[in-house]
Amino acid sequence: YNSIVDGTPPEYGLAEGRMDQELSIAVNESARLGGQAIRLPLGEETAWERAQHDAFRARWGGDPIRDADAVIQRILKGS
């Protein structure tokens, strides 16, 4: 709100969002591996991420990045 109304820089931006997402991925991957420690920052895509991407593609018929426009249209149409 302040960024839009007052033109101030956002207090929480893309970099912070990515770090939060990476921590969430690491927690899920650790749980999948029975509590094994996961080093941050993450490198390659984890097995947990691959499973999530596979489930997304199966549900929506496309990749959330490469096919974003088509997937958004499918979601909006409720198919």
C-alpha atoms as a PDB file:
ATOM      1  CA  TYR A   1       0.000   0.000   0.000  1.00  0.00           C
ATOM      2  CA  ASN A   2       2.679   2.494   1.011  1.00  0.00           C
ATOM      3  CA  SER A   3       4.668   1.738  -2.127  1.00  0.00           C
ATOM      4  CA  ILE A   4       1.715   2.530  -4.344  1.00  0.00           C
ATOM      5  CA  VAL A   5       0.295   5.456  -2.408  1.00  0.00           C
ATOM      6  CA  ASP A   6       3.514   7.086  -1.204  1.00  0.00           C
ATOM      7  CA  GLY A   7       5.984   5.806  -3.815  1.00  0.00           C
ATOM      8  CA  THR A   8       8.240   4.272  -1.171  1.00  0.00           C
ATOM      9  CA  PRO A   9      10.201   1.078  -1.875  1.00  0.00           C
ATOM     10  CA  PRO A  10       8.380  -2.094  -0.843  1.00  0.00           C
ATOM     11  CA  GLU A  11       9.326  -3.553   2.516  1.00  0.00           C
ATOM     12  CA  TYR A  12       9.020  -7.086   1.108  1.00  0.00           C
ATOM     13  CA  GLY A  13       9.963  -7.781  -2.464  1.00  0.00           C
ATOM     14  CA  LEU A  14      10.834 -10.438  -4.996  1.00  0.00           C
ATOM     15  CA  ALA A  15      14.108 -11.446  -3.327  1.00  0.00           C
ATOM     16  CA  GLU A  16      12.440 -11.974   0.047  1.00  0.00           C
ATOM     17  CA  GLY A  17       9.612 -13.912  -1.576  1.00  0.00           C
ATOM     18  CA  ARG A  18      12.089 -16.191  -3.338  1.00  0.00           C
ATOM     19  CA  MET A  19      13.993 -16.828  -0.104  1.00  0.00           C
ATOM     20  CA  ASP A  20      10.731 -17.708   1.661  1.00  0.00           C
ATOM     21  CA  GLN A  21       9.770 -20.060  -1.170  1.00  0.00           C
ATOM     22  CA  GLU A  22      13.208 -21.690  -1.105  1.00  0.00           C
ATOM     23  CA  LEU A  23      12.918 -22.278   2.645  1.00  0.00           C
ATOM     24  CA  SER A  24       9.492 -23.859   2.131  1.00  0.00           C
ATOM     25  CA  ILE A  25      10.891 -26.148  -0.577  1.00  0.00           C
ATOM     26  CA  ALA A  26      13.803 -27.130   1.679  1.00  0.00           C
ATOM     27  CA  VAL A  27      11.464 -27.956   4.582  1.00  0.00           C
ATOM     28  CA  ASN A  28       9.310 -30.156   2.330  1.00  0.00           C
ATOM     29  CA  GLU A  29      12.330 -31.885   0.810  1.00  0.00           C
ATOM     30  CA  SER A  30      13.759 -32.508   4.283  1.00  0.00           C
ATOM     31  CA  ALA A  31      10.459 -34.037   5.401  1.00  0.00           C
ATOM     32  CA  ARG A  32      10.391 -36.225   2.286  1.00  0.00           C
ATOM     33  CA  LEU A  33      13.878 -37.466   3.203  1.00  0.00           C
ATOM     34  CA  GLY A  34      12.968 -38.249   6.808  1.00  0.00           C
ATOM     35  CA  GLY A  35      14.421 -35.127   8.368  1.00  0.00           C
ATOM     36  CA  GLN A  36      17.689 -34.980   6.448  1.00  0.00           C
ATOM     37  CA  ALA A  37      19.329 -31.539   6.552  1.00  0.00           C
ATOM     38  CA  ILE A  38      19.020 -29.546   3.331  1.00  0.00           C
ATOM     39  CA  ARG A  39      21.629 -26.916   2.503  1.00  0.00           C
ATOM     40  CA  LEU A  40      20.572 -23.462   1.419  1.00  0.00           C
ATOM     41  CA  PRO A  41      20.663 -21.926  -1.042  1.00  0.00           C
ATOM     42  CA  LEU A  42      19.165 -24.755  -3.033  1.00  0.00           C
ATOM     43  CA  GLY A  43      20.918 -25.791  -6.194  1.00  0.00           C
ATOM     44  CA  GLU A  44      19.235 -28.191  -8.554  1.00  0.00           C
ATOM     45  CA  GLU A  45      15.516 -28.835  -8.522  1.00  0.00           C
ATOM     46  CA  THR A  46      14.632 -31.157  -5.634  1.00  0.00           C
ATOM     47  CA  ALA A  47      12.642 -34.372  -5.963  1.00  0.00           C
ATOM     48  CA  TRP A  48       9.821 -32.689  -4.008  1.00  0.00           C
ATOM     49  CA  GLU A  49       9.761 -29.827  -6.542  1.00  0.00           C
ATOM     50  CA  ARG A  50       9.714 -32.288  -9.462  1.00  0.00           C
ATOM     51  CA  ALA A  51       6.754 -34.088  -7.896  1.00  0.00           C
ATOM     52  CA  GLN A  52       4.921 -30.764  -7.460  1.00  0.00           C
ATOM     53  CA  HIS A  53       5.602 -29.780 -11.064  1.00  0.00           C
ATOM     54  CA  ASP A  54       4.467 -33.195 -12.307  1.00  0.00           C
ATOM     55  CA  ALA A  55       1.232 -32.904 -10.310  1.00  0.00           C
ATOM     56  CA  PHE A  56       0.649 -29.400 -11.681  1.00  0.00           C
ATOM     57  CA  ARG A  57       1.191 -30.532 -15.274  1.00  0.00           C
ATOM     58  CA  ALA A  58      -1.135 -33.504 -14.761  1.00  0.00           C
ATOM     59  CA  ARG A  59      -3.840 -31.271 -13.269  1.00  0.00           C
ATOM     60  CA  TRP A  60      -3.592 -28.310 -15.657  1.00  0.00           C
ATOM     61  CA  GLY A  61      -2.067 -29.815 -18.804  1.00  0.00           C
ATOM     62  CA  GLY A  62       0.956 -27.569 -19.024  1.00  0.00           C
ATOM     63  CA  ASP A  63       4.091 -26.267 -17.426  1.00  0.00           C
ATOM     64  CA  PRO A  64       3.494 -23.371 -15.005  1.00  0.00           C
ATOM     65  CA  ILE A  65       6.395 -21.416 -16.523  1.00  0.00           C
ATOM     66  CA  ARG A  66       6.663 -22.321 -20.206  1.00  0.00           C
ATOM     67  CA  ASP A  67       2.911 -22.630 -20.735  1.00  0.00           C
ATOM     68  CA  ALA A  68       1.830 -19.930 -18.278  1.00  0.00           C
ATOM     69  CA  ASP A  69      -0.639 -18.120 -20.569  1.00  0.00           C
ATOM     70  CA  ALA A  70      -2.425 -21.304 -21.632  1.00  0.00           C
ATOM     71  CA  VAL A  71      -2.490 -22.644 -18.070  1.00  0.00           C
ATOM     72  CA  ILE A  72      -3.934 -19.382 -16.743  1.00  0.00           C
ATOM     73  CA  GLN A  73      -6.696 -19.552 -19.347  1.00  0.00           C
ATOM     74  CA  ARG A  74      -7.510 -23.153 -18.347  1.00  0.00           C
ATOM     75  CA  ILE A  75      -7.627 -22.168 -14.686  1.00  0.00           C
ATOM     76  CA  LEU A  76      -9.873 -19.188 -15.376  1.00  0.00           C
ATOM     77  CA  LYS A  77     -12.219 -21.369 -17.410  1.00  0.00           C
ATOM     78  CA  GLY A  78     -12.299 -23.907 -14.578  1.00  0.00           C
ATOM     79  CA  SER A  79     -11.330 -26.839 -16.767  1.00  0.00           C
END
